[in-house]
């Protein structure tokens, strides 16, 4: 099961905690749509900003998010790999 969330109203004038909730749902601008895992945490966030978003439960699984290393760590690892290949 997955949760399909779409930002349907403008978040101008919303409080800071509502803006943070919208950002944590992965919605950046008006009309954005995300497919999230159906967890109690995500449902709670949707409930908090339910006046700004529409949500529906859909069949199937949400795509798994992969964690990326920070840019400076990736650059450091690439530099070390280049240094090792020279030696």
N, C-alpha and C. Protein backbone atom coordinates (compact mmCIF):
# COMPACT_ATOMS: atom_id res chain seq x y z
N UNK A 1 0.84 -1.18 0.00
CA UNK A 1 0.00 0.00 0.00
C UNK A 1 0.89 1.24 0.00
N UNK A 2 0.42 2.26 -0.69
CA UNK A 2 1.15 3.51 -0.76
C UNK A 2 0.16 4.66 -0.58
N UNK A 3 0.70 5.79 -0.27
CA UNK A 3 -0.10 6.98 -0.04
C UNK A 3 0.29 8.01 -1.09
N UNK A 4 -0.67 8.43 -1.91
CA UNK A 4 -0.43 9.41 -2.96
C UNK A 4 -0.85 10.78 -2.41
N UNK A 5 0.10 11.71 -2.32
CA UNK A 5 -0.15 13.02 -1.72
C UNK A 5 0.13 14.09 -2.76
N UNK A 6 -0.80 15.05 -2.88
CA UNK A 6 -0.64 16.14 -3.84
C UNK A 6 -0.90 17.46 -3.14
N UNK A 7 -0.03 18.45 -3.36
CA UNK A 7 -0.20 19.78 -2.79
C UNK A 7 -1.19 20.54 -3.66
N UNK A 8 -2.39 20.80 -3.12
CA UNK A 8 -3.46 21.38 -3.93
C UNK A 8 -3.75 22.84 -3.59
N UNK A 9 -3.22 23.31 -2.47
CA UNK A 9 -3.43 24.71 -2.10
C UNK A 9 -2.09 25.35 -1.78
N UNK A 10 -2.04 26.67 -1.89
CA UNK A 10 -0.82 27.39 -1.60
C UNK A 10 -0.53 27.36 -0.12
N UNK A 11 0.75 27.25 0.23
CA UNK A 11 1.13 27.23 1.63
C UNK A 11 1.61 28.60 2.10
N UNK A 12 1.32 29.64 1.33
CA UNK A 12 1.68 31.00 1.75
C UNK A 12 0.89 31.36 3.00
N UNK A 13 1.57 31.88 3.99
CA UNK A 13 0.92 32.27 5.22
C UNK A 13 0.79 31.15 6.23
N UNK A 14 1.28 29.97 5.89
CA UNK A 14 1.22 28.85 6.83
C UNK A 14 2.28 29.01 7.90
N UNK A 15 2.07 28.34 9.01
CA UNK A 15 3.03 28.42 10.12
C UNK A 15 4.30 27.65 9.78
N UNK A 16 5.34 27.90 10.58
CA UNK A 16 6.64 27.26 10.33
C UNK A 16 6.56 25.74 10.44
N UNK A 17 5.79 25.24 11.41
CA UNK A 17 5.72 23.78 11.55
C UNK A 17 4.95 23.14 10.39
N UNK A 18 3.99 23.85 9.82
CA UNK A 18 3.29 23.32 8.64
C UNK A 18 4.20 23.35 7.42
N UNK A 19 5.02 24.39 7.29
CA UNK A 19 5.98 24.45 6.18
C UNK A 19 6.99 23.31 6.29
N UNK A 20 7.44 23.05 7.51
CA UNK A 20 8.39 21.96 7.71
C UNK A 20 7.75 20.61 7.38
N UNK A 21 6.49 20.45 7.72
CA UNK A 21 5.78 19.22 7.41
C UNK A 21 5.65 19.03 5.91
N UNK A 22 5.31 20.10 5.20
CA UNK A 22 5.19 20.02 3.74
C UNK A 22 6.53 19.65 3.12
N UNK A 23 7.61 20.27 3.62
CA UNK A 23 8.93 19.95 3.11
C UNK A 23 9.30 18.50 3.39
N UNK A 24 8.96 18.01 4.58
CA UNK A 24 9.33 16.64 4.93
C UNK A 24 8.51 15.61 4.14
N UNK A 25 7.35 16.01 3.66
CA UNK A 25 6.59 15.13 2.77
C UNK A 25 7.18 15.09 1.37
N UNK A 26 8.10 16.01 1.09
CA UNK A 26 8.75 16.03 -0.22
C UNK A 26 8.04 16.91 -1.22
N UNK A 27 7.13 17.75 -0.76
CA UNK A 27 6.39 18.64 -1.65
C UNK A 27 7.08 19.99 -1.66
N UNK A 28 7.40 20.50 -2.84
CA UNK A 28 8.17 21.74 -2.92
C UNK A 28 7.36 22.89 -3.49
N UNK A 29 6.48 22.62 -4.44
CA UNK A 29 5.70 23.71 -5.01
C UNK A 29 4.29 23.24 -5.33
N UNK A 30 3.45 24.17 -5.61
CA UNK A 30 2.04 23.92 -5.88
C UNK A 30 1.89 22.89 -7.00
N UNK A 31 1.10 21.86 -6.77
CA UNK A 31 0.86 20.83 -7.77
C UNK A 31 1.78 19.64 -7.67
N UNK A 32 2.78 19.69 -6.80
CA UNK A 32 3.68 18.55 -6.63
C UNK A 32 2.92 17.34 -6.11
N UNK A 33 3.36 16.18 -6.55
CA UNK A 33 2.71 14.94 -6.16
C UNK A 33 3.78 13.92 -5.78
N UNK A 34 3.56 13.21 -4.69
CA UNK A 34 4.53 12.22 -4.23
C UNK A 34 3.82 10.92 -3.89
N UNK A 35 4.51 9.84 -4.04
CA UNK A 35 4.03 8.53 -3.66
C UNK A 35 4.86 8.09 -2.46
N UNK A 36 4.22 8.00 -1.28
CA UNK A 36 4.92 7.72 -0.03
C UNK A 36 4.47 6.38 0.52
N UNK A 37 5.30 5.81 1.39
CA UNK A 37 4.91 4.59 2.08
C UNK A 37 3.78 4.92 3.05
N UNK A 38 2.86 4.00 3.19
CA UNK A 38 1.71 4.20 4.06
C UNK A 38 2.08 3.80 5.49
N UNK A 39 2.65 4.75 6.22
CA UNK A 39 3.05 4.51 7.60
C UNK A 39 2.29 5.47 8.51
N UNK A 40 2.20 5.17 9.79
CA UNK A 40 1.53 6.08 10.71
C UNK A 40 2.18 7.47 10.75
N UNK A 41 3.48 7.53 10.60
CA UNK A 41 4.17 8.83 10.61
C UNK A 41 3.75 9.68 9.41
N UNK A 42 3.72 9.07 8.23
CA UNK A 42 3.31 9.81 7.03
C UNK A 42 1.85 10.20 7.11
N UNK A 43 1.01 9.32 7.63
CA UNK A 43 -0.41 9.66 7.78
C UNK A 43 -0.60 10.83 8.74
N UNK A 44 0.20 10.86 9.80
CA UNK A 44 0.12 11.96 10.75
C UNK A 44 0.53 13.29 10.13
N UNK A 45 1.58 13.26 9.29
CA UNK A 45 2.01 14.49 8.63
C UNK A 45 0.94 14.97 7.65
N UNK A 46 0.35 14.04 6.91
CA UNK A 46 -0.72 14.41 5.97
C UNK A 46 -1.90 14.99 6.74
N UNK A 47 -2.23 14.40 7.88
CA UNK A 47 -3.34 14.89 8.69
C UNK A 47 -3.09 16.30 9.20
N UNK A 48 -1.83 16.61 9.48
CA UNK A 48 -1.49 17.94 10.00
C UNK A 48 -1.73 19.03 8.96
N UNK A 49 -1.51 18.72 7.69
CA UNK A 49 -1.68 19.72 6.62
C UNK A 49 -2.79 19.29 5.67
N UNK A 50 -3.82 18.64 6.19
CA UNK A 50 -4.89 18.09 5.34
C UNK A 50 -5.66 19.18 4.61
N UNK A 51 -5.61 20.42 5.09
CA UNK A 51 -6.31 21.51 4.41
C UNK A 51 -5.52 22.02 3.20
N UNK A 52 -4.26 21.58 3.05
CA UNK A 52 -3.42 22.02 1.94
C UNK A 52 -3.16 20.92 0.91
N UNK A 53 -3.39 19.67 1.29
CA UNK A 53 -3.06 18.55 0.40
C UNK A 53 -4.28 17.65 0.20
N UNK A 54 -4.23 16.86 -0.87
CA UNK A 54 -5.19 15.78 -1.04
C UNK A 54 -4.39 14.48 -0.99
N UNK A 55 -4.98 13.46 -0.42
CA UNK A 55 -4.28 12.19 -0.33
C UNK A 55 -5.24 11.06 -0.65
N UNK A 56 -4.68 9.99 -1.17
CA UNK A 56 -5.47 8.79 -1.44
C UNK A 56 -4.56 7.58 -1.29
N UNK A 57 -5.14 6.48 -0.91
CA UNK A 57 -4.41 5.24 -0.78
C UNK A 57 -4.46 4.51 -2.11
N UNK A 58 -3.31 4.08 -2.59
CA UNK A 58 -3.23 3.39 -3.88
C UNK A 58 -2.59 2.02 -3.67
N UNK A 59 -2.86 1.12 -4.58
CA UNK A 59 -2.26 -0.21 -4.54
C UNK A 59 -0.82 -0.13 -5.01
N UNK A 60 -0.02 -1.06 -4.58
CA UNK A 60 1.38 -1.08 -4.98
C UNK A 60 2.25 -0.49 -3.88
N UNK A 61 3.55 -0.52 -4.11
CA UNK A 61 4.50 -0.02 -3.13
C UNK A 61 5.10 1.29 -3.59
N UNK A 62 5.44 2.13 -2.62
CA UNK A 62 6.13 3.38 -2.91
C UNK A 62 7.57 3.06 -3.26
N UNK A 63 8.20 3.86 -4.10
CA UNK A 63 9.60 3.59 -4.42
C UNK A 63 10.47 3.77 -3.19
N UNK A 64 11.45 2.92 -3.04
CA UNK A 64 12.37 3.01 -1.92
C UNK A 64 13.31 4.18 -2.14
N UNK A 65 13.53 4.95 -1.11
CA UNK A 65 14.46 6.07 -1.22
C UNK A 65 15.85 5.57 -0.87
N UNK A 66 16.82 5.99 -1.66
CA UNK A 66 18.20 5.61 -1.40
C UNK A 66 18.92 6.80 -0.78
N UNK A 67 19.71 6.50 0.22
CA UNK A 67 20.45 7.56 0.88
C UNK A 67 21.73 7.83 0.10
N UNK A 68 22.04 9.10 -0.05
CA UNK A 68 23.27 9.49 -0.74
C UNK A 68 24.23 10.09 0.26
N UNK A 69 25.50 9.91 0.00
CA UNK A 69 26.50 10.52 0.85
C UNK A 69 26.53 12.02 0.55
N UNK A 70 26.91 12.84 1.52
CA UNK A 70 27.04 14.28 1.27
C UNK A 70 28.10 14.54 0.20
N UNK A 71 27.95 15.68 -0.46
CA UNK A 71 28.81 16.01 -1.60
C UNK A 71 30.29 16.02 -1.21
N UNK A 72 30.64 16.58 -0.06
CA UNK A 72 32.05 16.66 0.31
C UNK A 72 32.63 15.27 0.60
N UNK A 73 31.82 14.35 1.06
CA UNK A 73 32.29 12.99 1.30
C UNK A 73 32.51 12.28 -0.03
N UNK A 74 31.58 12.47 -0.99
CA UNK A 74 31.75 11.86 -2.30
C UNK A 74 32.99 12.41 -3.00
N UNK A 75 33.24 13.72 -2.87
CA UNK A 75 34.41 14.33 -3.49
C UNK A 75 35.69 13.79 -2.85
N UNK A 76 35.68 13.63 -1.52
CA UNK A 76 36.84 13.11 -0.82
C UNK A 76 37.13 11.68 -1.26
N UNK A 77 36.09 10.86 -1.37
CA UNK A 77 36.28 9.47 -1.78
C UNK A 77 36.80 9.38 -3.22
N UNK A 78 36.28 10.26 -4.09
CA UNK A 78 36.75 10.27 -5.48
C UNK A 78 38.22 10.68 -5.55
N UNK A 79 38.60 11.67 -4.74
CA UNK A 79 40.00 12.11 -4.72
C UNK A 79 40.92 11.02 -4.21
N UNK A 80 40.48 10.29 -3.20
CA UNK A 80 41.28 9.18 -2.67
C UNK A 80 41.41 8.07 -3.70
N UNK A 81 40.34 7.83 -4.47
CA UNK A 81 40.39 6.79 -5.49
C UNK A 81 41.35 7.19 -6.61
N UNK A 82 41.34 8.46 -7.00
CA UNK A 82 42.28 8.94 -8.02
C UNK A 82 43.71 8.84 -7.52
N UNK A 83 43.93 9.18 -6.25
CA UNK A 83 45.27 9.12 -5.67
C UNK A 83 45.76 7.68 -5.62
N UNK A 84 44.87 6.74 -5.30
CA UNK A 84 45.26 5.34 -5.22
C UNK A 84 45.57 4.77 -6.61
N UNK A 85 44.87 5.26 -7.64
CA UNK A 85 45.12 4.73 -8.98
C UNK A 85 46.44 5.25 -9.56
N UNK A 86 46.88 6.43 -9.10
CA UNK A 86 48.17 6.96 -9.55
C UNK A 86 49.34 6.19 -8.94
N UNK A 87 49.16 5.72 -7.73
CA UNK A 87 50.26 5.05 -7.02
C UNK A 87 50.44 3.62 -7.43
